[in-house]
Protein backbone atom coordinates (compact mmCIF):
# COMPACT_ATOMS: atom_id res chain seq x y z
CA MET A 1 38.01 27.77 103.16
CA ARG A 2 37.98 30.13 100.11
CA ALA A 3 41.29 27.83 98.95
CA GLU A 4 39.70 24.62 99.67
CA SER A 5 37.14 25.99 97.77
CA GLY A 6 39.11 26.65 94.77
CA VAL A 7 41.06 23.27 94.89
CA GLU A 8 37.12 21.48 94.77
CA VAL A 9 35.77 23.30 91.77
CA LEU A 10 39.33 22.10 90.41
CA GLN A 11 39.40 18.61 91.11
CA LYS A 12 35.21 18.63 89.82
CA ARG A 13 34.82 16.22 87.01
CA SER A 14 33.45 17.12 83.54
CA VAL A 15 30.43 14.54 82.64
CA PRO A 16 27.54 15.89 80.20
CA VAL A 17 24.27 16.16 81.95
CA GLY A 18 23.06 12.64 80.48
CA ALA A 19 25.59 11.16 82.64
CA LEU A 20 23.42 12.03 85.80
CA PHE A 21 20.27 10.52 83.90
CA GLU A 22 22.13 6.88 84.38
CA ASN A 23 21.02 6.08 88.35
CA MET A 24 18.74 8.90 88.95
CA PRO A 25 15.73 6.83 90.65
CA VAL A 26 12.19 7.60 89.56
CA THR A 27 10.62 9.99 91.74
CA SER A 28 6.92 11.55 92.19
CA GLN A 29 8.25 15.00 90.35
CA HIS A 30 8.43 12.37 87.35
CA TRP A 31 5.00 11.35 87.89
CA GLN A 32 3.82 15.00 88.42
CA ALA A 33 5.70 16.65 85.00
CA GLY A 34 4.59 13.23 83.04
CA LEU A 35 0.89 13.44 83.95
CA VAL A 36 1.18 17.24 82.92
CA LEU A 37 2.73 16.37 79.53
CA PHE A 38 0.96 13.17 78.99
CA PHE A 39 -2.30 15.92 78.73
CA SER A 40 -0.78 18.04 76.42
CA PHE A 41 -0.41 15.29 74.26
CA VAL A 42 -4.24 14.58 74.40
CA ILE A 43 -4.91 17.75 73.78
CA GLU A 44 -2.41 17.47 70.52
CA SER A 45 -4.56 14.50 69.72
CA TRP A 46 -8.12 16.04 70.36
CA GLU A 47 -7.38 19.29 68.50
CA MET A 48 -6.29 17.38 65.23
CA MET A 49 -9.71 15.29 65.37
CA ILE A 50 -11.98 17.84 66.17
CA VAL A 51 -12.81 19.38 62.80
CA ILE A 52 -12.86 15.66 61.31
CA LEU A 53 -15.65 14.81 63.47
CA ALA A 54 -17.59 18.11 63.26
CA SER A 55 -16.86 17.88 59.01
CA ALA A 56 -20.32 16.57 58.43
CA SER A 57 -22.24 19.49 60.58
CA ILE A 58 -19.19 21.81 59.20
CA GLY A 59 -20.22 20.77 55.62
CA GLY A 60 -23.92 21.08 55.90
CA GLU A 61 -23.94 24.62 56.87
CA PHE A 62 -21.58 26.15 54.17
CA GLN A 63 -22.93 23.49 51.84
CA LEU A 64 -18.92 22.12 50.78
CA ASP A 65 -18.17 19.43 48.59
CA GLY A 66 -15.71 16.51 49.61
CA THR A 67 -13.19 18.13 48.00
CA GLN A 68 -13.80 21.63 50.40
CA ILE A 69 -13.74 19.46 53.49
CA GLY A 70 -10.40 17.93 52.88
CA SER A 71 -9.31 20.86 52.62
CA LEU A 72 -10.65 22.24 55.85
CA ILE A 73 -9.27 19.29 57.43
CA GLY A 74 -5.81 19.44 55.92
CA SER A 75 -5.61 23.53 56.59
CA ILE A 76 -4.53 22.66 60.23
CA TYR A 77 -1.37 20.69 59.40
CA LEU A 78 -0.77 23.18 56.12
CA GLY A 79 -0.44 25.75 59.24
CA MET A 80 1.68 23.29 61.01
CA ILE A 81 4.16 23.10 58.69
CA PRO A 82 5.68 26.74 58.95
CA GLY A 83 4.47 25.83 62.35
CA CYS A 84 6.38 23.90 63.53
CA LEU A 85 9.99 25.34 61.62
CA LEU A 86 9.12 28.19 63.60
CA TRP A 87 8.39 26.90 66.74
CA GLY A 88 11.60 24.52 66.26
CA LYS A 89 14.04 26.99 66.67
CA LEU A 90 12.01 28.66 69.24
CA VAL A 91 12.12 25.60 71.66
CA ASP A 92 15.98 25.68 71.18
CA LYS A 93 16.47 29.38 71.62
CA ILE A 94 14.00 30.13 74.67
CA GLY A 95 13.07 26.68 76.01
CA ARG A 96 11.06 24.20 76.16
CA LYS A 97 8.75 25.14 78.85
CA GLN A 98 8.32 29.12 77.60
CA SER A 99 7.57 27.71 74.37
CA MET A 100 4.88 25.22 75.62
CA ILE A 101 3.02 28.07 77.55
CA PHE A 102 3.14 30.51 75.13
CA SER A 103 1.80 27.98 72.01
CA PHE A 104 -1.66 26.32 74.30
CA GLY A 105 -2.40 30.15 75.26
CA LEU A 106 -2.12 31.23 71.21
CA TYR A 107 -4.05 27.70 70.32
CA GLY A 108 -7.01 28.47 73.21
CA ILE A 109 -7.42 32.59 71.64
CA ILE A 110 -7.34 31.63 68.04
CA SER A 111 -8.87 28.24 67.82
CA LEU A 112 -11.89 30.13 69.50
CA ILE A 113 -12.20 32.70 67.26
CA SER A 114 -12.50 30.03 64.87
CA ALA A 115 -15.77 29.02 66.49
CA PHE A 116 -17.77 32.16 65.46
CA SER A 117 -16.44 31.99 61.86
CA LEU A 118 -19.10 33.63 59.03
CA THR A 119 -17.60 31.78 56.53
CA TYR A 120 -15.66 28.85 55.03
CA GLU A 121 -12.17 31.18 53.98
CA MET A 122 -13.00 32.40 57.51
CA LEU A 123 -12.85 28.96 59.03
CA TRP A 124 -10.12 28.43 56.79
CA TRP A 125 -7.55 30.54 57.72
CA THR A 126 -8.20 30.43 61.84
CA ARG A 127 -7.81 26.69 61.80
CA PHE A 128 -4.37 27.25 59.36
CA LEU A 129 -3.76 29.72 62.52
CA SER A 130 -4.83 27.21 65.45
CA GLY A 131 -2.10 25.03 63.16
CA VAL A 132 0.59 27.53 63.47
CA ALA A 133 0.00 28.26 66.77
CA LEU A 134 -0.05 24.53 68.32
CA SER A 135 2.77 23.60 66.61
CA GLY A 136 4.99 25.08 70.10
CA VAL A 137 3.37 22.07 71.76
CA LEU A 138 3.61 19.17 69.17
CA VAL A 139 7.38 19.94 68.41
CA ALA A 140 8.14 19.96 72.43
CA THR A 141 6.31 17.50 74.66
CA PHE A 142 8.22 14.17 73.75
CA PRO A 143 11.54 15.79 73.59
CA TYR A 144 11.13 17.50 77.38
CA PHE A 145 9.67 15.01 78.59
CA GLU A 146 12.76 13.09 77.91
CA GLU A 147 14.70 15.42 78.81
CA LEU A 148 13.30 15.18 82.26
CA LEU A 149 13.52 10.94 82.62
CA PRO A 150 15.76 8.81 83.61
CA MET A 151 17.56 6.98 81.65
CA LYS A 152 16.24 3.57 82.38
CA VAL A 153 12.81 4.68 82.25
CA ARG A 154 12.76 6.49 79.18
CA GLY A 155 11.70 4.14 76.34
CA LYS A 156 8.82 2.85 78.21
CA ALA A 157 7.97 6.44 79.55
CA ALA A 158 7.65 7.95 76.75
CA VAL A 159 5.63 5.28 74.74
CA TYR A 160 3.33 5.40 77.74
CA LEU A 161 2.99 9.21 77.25
CA ALA A 162 2.08 8.44 73.84
CA SER A 163 -0.93 7.18 74.44
CA GLY A 164 -2.26 10.23 75.29
CA TRP A 165 -3.22 10.21 71.31
CA PRO A 166 -5.92 7.71 71.81
CA VAL A 167 -7.40 9.45 75.05
CA GLY A 168 -7.45 12.61 72.81
CA TYR A 169 -9.55 10.68 70.11
CA LEU A 170 -12.19 9.34 72.44
CA LEU A 171 -12.47 13.05 73.77
CA ALA A 172 -12.94 14.18 70.64
CA ILE A 173 -15.20 12.01 69.94
CA GLY A 174 -17.58 12.36 73.18
CA THR A 175 -16.90 15.88 73.04
CA THR A 176 -18.46 15.73 69.21
CA TYR A 177 -21.54 13.40 70.35
CA LEU A 178 -22.46 15.49 73.41
CA PHE A 179 -22.60 18.62 71.61
CA MET A 180 -23.67 17.33 68.50
CA GLU A 181 -27.08 18.79 68.64
CA LEU A 182 -25.99 22.13 68.92
CA GLY A 183 -23.75 22.44 65.98
CA TRP A 184 -19.98 22.53 65.41
CA ARG A 185 -19.41 26.15 66.55
CA TRP A 186 -19.84 24.84 70.09
CA ILE A 187 -17.81 21.23 69.49
CA ILE A 188 -14.77 23.53 68.55
CA GLY A 189 -15.56 26.32 70.93
CA VAL A 190 -15.60 23.69 74.07
CA SER A 191 -12.27 21.95 72.55
CA SER A 192 -10.76 25.08 72.60
CA LEU A 193 -10.52 25.62 76.20
CA ALA A 194 -7.93 22.85 76.41
CA GLY A 195 -5.45 26.00 75.64
CA LEU A 196 -5.81 27.11 79.85
CA TRP A 197 -3.28 23.65 80.01
CA PHE A 198 -0.39 26.19 79.59
CA LEU A 199 -1.28 27.09 83.40
CA ALA A 200 -0.56 23.24 84.50
CA ILE A 201 2.26 23.06 82.12
CA ALA A 202 3.73 26.83 84.11
CA ALA A 203 3.16 25.38 87.39
CA PHE A 204 4.26 21.98 87.67
CA VAL A 205 6.89 20.99 85.05
CA PRO A 206 9.95 22.36 85.45
CA GLU A 207 12.64 23.41 81.94
CA SER A 208 14.94 20.63 81.20
CA PRO A 209 17.90 20.26 82.96
CA TYR A 210 19.74 19.44 79.31
CA TRP A 211 18.50 22.91 77.74
CA LEU A 212 19.55 24.72 80.84
CA ALA A 213 23.30 23.11 80.56
CA GLY A 214 23.25 24.15 77.39
CA LYS A 215 22.37 27.57 77.65
CA GLY A 216 25.55 27.78 80.74
CA ARG A 217 22.66 28.07 83.12
CA HIS A 218 24.44 25.15 84.86
CA SER A 219 23.38 26.13 88.40
CA GLU A 220 19.92 26.14 87.48
CA ALA A 221 20.18 22.48 85.40
CA LYS A 222 21.64 21.16 88.39
CA GLU A 223 18.44 22.34 90.64
CA VAL A 224 16.23 20.73 88.46
CA ILE A 225 18.34 17.40 88.02
CA ASP A 226 18.49 18.07 92.29
CA LYS A 227 14.76 18.48 92.26
CA LEU A 228 13.58 15.69 90.28
CA SER A 229 15.85 13.10 92.18
CA LYS A 230 14.45 14.43 95.18
CA GLY A 231 17.66 15.40 96.98
CA THR A 232 18.95 11.72 96.34
CA MET A 233 21.59 13.03 94.07
CA GLN A 234 22.70 16.05 96.11
CA ARG A 235 26.12 14.72 96.24
CA GLU A 236 26.64 13.19 92.68
CA ILE A 237 25.84 16.79 91.84
CA ASN A 238 27.68 18.73 93.75
CA SER A 239 31.11 16.62 92.49
CA VAL A 240 30.90 17.58 88.87
CA GLU A 241 30.51 19.99 85.87
CA LEU A 242 28.81 20.36 83.23
CA ALA A 243 29.90 19.81 79.81
CA VAL A 244 27.58 20.40 76.34
CA GLU A 245 28.48 18.96 72.80
CA ASN A 246 29.76 21.68 71.21
CA VAL A 247 27.02 21.71 68.09
CA LYS A 248 25.12 25.20 66.66
CA THR A 249 22.32 25.69 68.61
CA GLY A 250 19.73 25.01 67.01
CA SER A 251 20.98 25.46 62.87
CA PHE A 252 18.16 23.59 60.31
CA LEU A 253 21.66 23.59 58.33
CA GLU A 254 23.46 21.45 61.25
CA ILE A 255 21.32 18.58 61.15
CA PHE A 256 21.52 18.18 57.21
CA ARG A 257 25.13 17.71 57.63
CA GLY A 258 28.12 15.23 58.62
CA GLN A 259 26.83 12.70 61.38
CA PHE A 260 23.47 13.56 61.15
CA ARG A 261 22.79 13.37 57.34
CA ARG A 262 21.32 10.14 57.15
CA SER A 263 19.25 10.46 60.29
CA THR A 264 17.80 13.10 58.99
CA ILE A 265 16.83 11.99 55.94
CA LEU A 266 15.76 8.82 57.14
CA GLN A 267 13.51 10.19 59.62
CA LEU A 268 11.81 12.67 57.10
CA LEU A 269 11.04 9.66 54.73
CA ILE A 270 9.40 7.42 58.34
CA ASN A 271 7.91 10.58 59.12
CA PHE A 272 6.19 11.67 55.99
CA SER A 273 5.08 7.66 54.55
CA PHE A 274 4.15 6.81 58.09
CA SER A 275 1.97 9.53 58.94
CA TRP A 276 0.39 8.96 55.01
CA GLY A 277 -0.39 5.60 56.12
CA TYR A 278 -1.75 6.25 59.46
CA TRP A 279 -3.74 9.94 58.86
CA GLY A 280 -4.65 9.45 55.17
CA LEU A 281 -7.27 6.40 56.60
CA SER A 282 -8.18 8.14 59.95
CA SER A 283 -9.07 11.53 58.04
CA TRP A 284 -11.53 9.49 56.03
CA MET A 285 -12.68 6.57 57.91
CA PRO A 286 -16.34 7.88 58.49
CA ALA A 287 -16.55 8.22 54.69
CA LEU A 288 -15.17 5.08 53.96
CA LEU A 289 -16.88 3.13 56.58
CA ALA A 290 -19.88 4.96 54.60
CA LYS A 291 -18.81 3.16 51.66
CA LYS A 292 -19.23 -0.29 53.58
CA GLY A 293 -22.55 0.62 54.84
CA LEU A 294 -22.25 1.98 57.87
CA SER A 295 -24.53 4.99 59.22
CA ALA A 296 -22.69 8.39 60.70
CA GLN A 297 -23.80 6.65 64.24
CA GLU A 298 -22.53 3.36 63.73
CA GLY A 299 -19.48 4.66 62.12
CA MET A 300 -18.49 6.73 64.80
CA GLY A 301 -19.27 3.69 67.74
CA PHE A 302 -16.56 1.83 64.90
CA MET A 303 -14.11 4.24 65.60
CA ALA A 304 -14.42 4.65 69.55
CA ILE A 305 -13.92 0.80 70.10
CA SER A 306 -11.17 0.64 67.39
CA ALA A 307 -9.31 3.38 69.68
CA LEU A 308 -9.26 1.32 72.54
CA PHE A 309 -7.44 -1.18 71.26
CA MET A 310 -4.61 1.36 70.63
CA PHE A 311 -4.03 1.44 74.62
CA PRO A 312 -2.86 -2.60 74.89
CA GLY A 313 -0.93 -1.69 71.54
CA TYR A 314 1.04 0.85 73.46
CA MET A 315 1.34 -1.16 76.62
CA VAL A 316 3.01 -4.12 74.72
CA SER A 317 5.65 -1.82 72.76
CA SER A 318 6.58 0.12 75.94
CA TYR A 319 7.17 -3.43 77.67
CA LEU A 320 9.40 -4.55 73.98
CA THR A 321 11.29 -0.93 73.53
CA GLY A 322 12.86 -1.57 77.07
CA LYS A 323 13.98 -4.98 76.25
CA TYR A 324 14.50 -5.55 72.64
CA GLY A 325 15.05 -2.12 71.70
CA ARG A 326 13.50 0.85 69.15
CA LYS A 327 14.28 -0.85 65.80
CA LYS A 328 13.45 -4.31 66.27
CA VAL A 329 10.19 -3.22 67.87
CA MET A 330 9.52 -0.38 65.46
CA ALA A 331 10.10 -2.57 61.92
CA LEU A 332 8.25 -5.58 63.28
CA PHE A 333 4.67 -3.57 64.51
CA VAL A 334 5.28 -1.64 61.57
CA PHE A 335 5.50 -4.45 59.40
CA PHE A 336 2.00 -6.13 60.62
CA ALA A 337 0.63 -2.86 60.78
CA ALA A 338 0.95 -2.84 57.25
CA VAL A 339 -0.46 -6.45 56.76
CA SER A 340 -3.59 -5.23 58.78
CA GLY A 341 -4.06 -2.21 56.69
CA PHE A 342 -4.13 -4.54 53.73
CA GLY A 343 -6.46 -6.98 55.74
CA PHE A 344 -8.70 -4.23 55.94
CA ALA A 345 -8.85 -3.29 52.85
CA ASN A 346 -9.89 -6.32 51.47
CA ALA A 347 -12.68 -7.07 54.31
CA ASN A 348 -15.59 -8.04 53.54
CA THR A 349 -17.74 -8.46 56.49
CA LEU A 350 -18.08 -6.21 59.14
CA GLN A 351 -16.86 -8.82 61.17
CA GLU A 352 -13.64 -8.74 59.37
CA MET A 353 -13.56 -4.88 59.54
CA TYR A 354 -13.38 -4.81 62.86
CA ILE A 355 -10.36 -7.95 63.48
CA TRP A 356 -8.40 -5.90 60.79
CA ASN A 357 -8.80 -2.48 62.26
CA PHE A 358 -8.37 -3.67 65.90
CA ALA A 359 -4.95 -5.48 64.54
CA LEU A 360 -4.17 -2.06 62.55
CA SER A 361 -5.06 0.35 65.51
CA PHE A 362 -2.85 -2.01 68.41
CA PHE A 363 -0.19 -2.05 66.01
CA SER A 364 -0.12 0.79 64.00
CA LEU A 365 -0.67 3.09 66.95
CA GLY A 366 2.48 0.72 69.16
CA ALA A 367 4.24 1.56 66.60
CA TRP A 368 4.04 5.45 67.01
CA GLY A 369 4.82 5.07 70.38
CA VAL A 370 8.14 3.72 69.39
CA TRP A 371 8.62 6.32 66.79
CA ASP A 372 7.94 9.06 68.88
CA THR A 373 10.48 8.34 71.66
CA TRP A 374 13.27 7.16 69.18
CA MET A 375 13.28 9.81 67.13
CA ALA A 376 13.78 12.67 69.72
CA GLU A 377 17.01 10.07 70.59
CA LEU A 378 18.68 10.71 67.37
CA TYR A 379 20.28 14.01 68.15
CA PRO A 380 21.82 16.00 70.52
CA THR A 381 20.20 18.78 73.01
CA GLU A 382 21.20 21.89 70.54
CA VAL A 383 19.32 20.63 67.89
CA ARG A 384 16.72 18.54 69.31
CA GLY A 385 14.27 20.77 68.69
CA VAL A 386 14.97 21.87 65.19
CA SER A 387 15.46 18.47 64.58
CA TYR A 388 11.84 17.14 65.97
CA SER A 389 10.39 20.08 64.60
CA VAL A 390 11.51 18.81 60.92
CA GLY A 391 10.67 15.34 61.14
CA MET A 392 6.92 16.94 62.31
CA THR A 393 7.01 19.53 59.33
CA GLY A 394 7.51 16.01 57.26
CA GLN A 395 3.98 14.74 59.45
CA ARG A 396 2.34 17.51 58.62
CA VAL A 397 3.37 18.00 54.90
CA ALA A 398 1.73 14.17 54.66
CA ASN A 399 -1.33 15.37 56.50
CA ALA A 400 -1.98 18.21 54.66
CA ILE A 401 -1.72 16.66 51.20
CA ALA A 402 -3.41 12.92 52.56
CA PRO A 403 -7.28 14.14 52.91
CA SER A 404 -7.40 16.03 49.62
CA VAL A 405 -6.01 12.65 47.60
CA ILE A 406 -7.72 10.33 49.67
CA GLY A 407 -10.95 12.81 49.27
CA ALA A 408 -10.53 13.27 45.33
CA MET A 409 -10.03 9.69 45.26
CA LEU A 410 -13.83 8.95 46.91
CA ALA A 411 -14.86 11.76 44.46
CA ILE A 412 -14.25 9.63 41.62
CA ASN A 413 -15.39 6.62 43.33
CA SER A 414 -12.39 4.87 43.98
CA SER A 415 -13.49 1.48 45.62
CA PHE A 416 -12.61 0.54 49.72
CA LEU A 417 -10.59 -1.72 48.52
CA THR A 418 -8.21 0.49 46.07
CA THR A 419 -8.20 3.53 48.39
CA VAL A 420 -7.31 1.56 51.35
CA SER A 421 -4.33 -0.75 49.95
CA PHE A 422 -3.08 2.74 48.33
CA ILE A 423 -2.71 3.97 52.14
CA SER A 424 -1.33 1.30 53.50
CA ALA A 425 1.33 0.75 51.09
CA PHE A 426 3.25 3.94 52.95
CA LEU A 427 3.33 1.66 55.69
CA VAL A 428 5.72 -0.59 53.62
CA VAL A 429 7.70 1.95 53.06
CA THR A 430 8.01 3.38 56.59
CA PHE A 431 9.15 -0.41 57.42
CA VAL A 432 12.11 -0.60 54.95
CA ALA A 433 13.27 2.36 55.99
CA SER A 434 13.10 1.92 59.70
CA LEU A 435 15.56 -0.66 59.36
CA PHE A 436 18.45 1.38 58.54
CA LEU A 437 18.37 3.45 61.70
CA LYS A 438 20.64 3.30 64.38
CA GLU A 439 19.69 2.28 67.62
CA THR A 440 18.86 4.09 70.51
CA GLU A 441 18.09 1.99 73.63
CA GLY A 442 20.52 2.20 76.86
CA GLU A 443 22.16 5.31 75.53
CA ILE A 444 22.19 8.90 77.42
CA LEU A 445 21.35 11.43 75.70
CA HIS A 446 23.61 14.20 74.71
């Protein structure tokens, strides 16, 4: 029997982990992991929006001007710049699961401390540190989810995961509305409890089999694949050895060399310009709406209704990306988002503002869903964490700078037309850059 077992081992063919996901069925295990990671992205969105929505209350207590409020809004994103680079290494070193558990736990503690800030400076630095802490969730969520999915649904499912953004957006609006009279400390304090979501990650989401195989833990990787497939692939799993691409694990330099250099430069350009084009508008939307004569409550209602139009954007782009690929759908949606942005800038009536902003919400968030999926597919497992973290860093640089720049423009009485047109120009850059990236629809992950 021992001799036969040895022969069987020698006869096993070597295949990349992704090959076992080509014909994997979609099971309840995928739904379970997907639901937990969906709410992880909801929490990311919630956290990023909460200070924006509470900024009026914070500004009133600490007597802040527009530039200081813009700086406070940007503080979490400044924290995410070193945070993304730090967690990018950790995600590839200690794993997707452990990174998300530690990230959520640290974020909850630091964010709760920020609710008790005695000064503007203390609040600024605790929001900065909460950005550092939350970066682990930011960097890991999409690559992690894609590494658990069958190839045939990877694009569609990952875009649906991205639809957690408007859910978090609406939860942030709801939390702000419910606790507005109690003040910003209650708003941020209640939001901080979301850090307890690390318990759900620990209980219901398995570690990535791609990462496990890359660390030489092949038997554990096979166990996860068997669990995800609900035991339907045992024969296939047992007949192969897992192969791992020979790439230097977790190396930032690696993604700026050879075959990865072009993708890295393009994805950095897209991440920066797309994030500026979206966040520059979102971060100052209440103030921009006030320029058009809307009250604070009317502005919040406008934002909430607009957020509802993000959902059909995700659904349509999810369907189309599985049919026509990432590049065509991304380029089409970003193009129409840019058109909608310039239309919003030129709107003269409230009705026109609603129409153009609904279109902007539909196309920009549909494009974000495709981009979050596409970006994680451009690199192999060994550098997926660091590559995603570099892209997220590009976004956070834009997120950190845009609120202050737009705040400064508004401080010198820049018009609604000029401000929104300036922001929308970045969407044009995003559209052009997306045309030069490779298509990944229908390819296995490596």
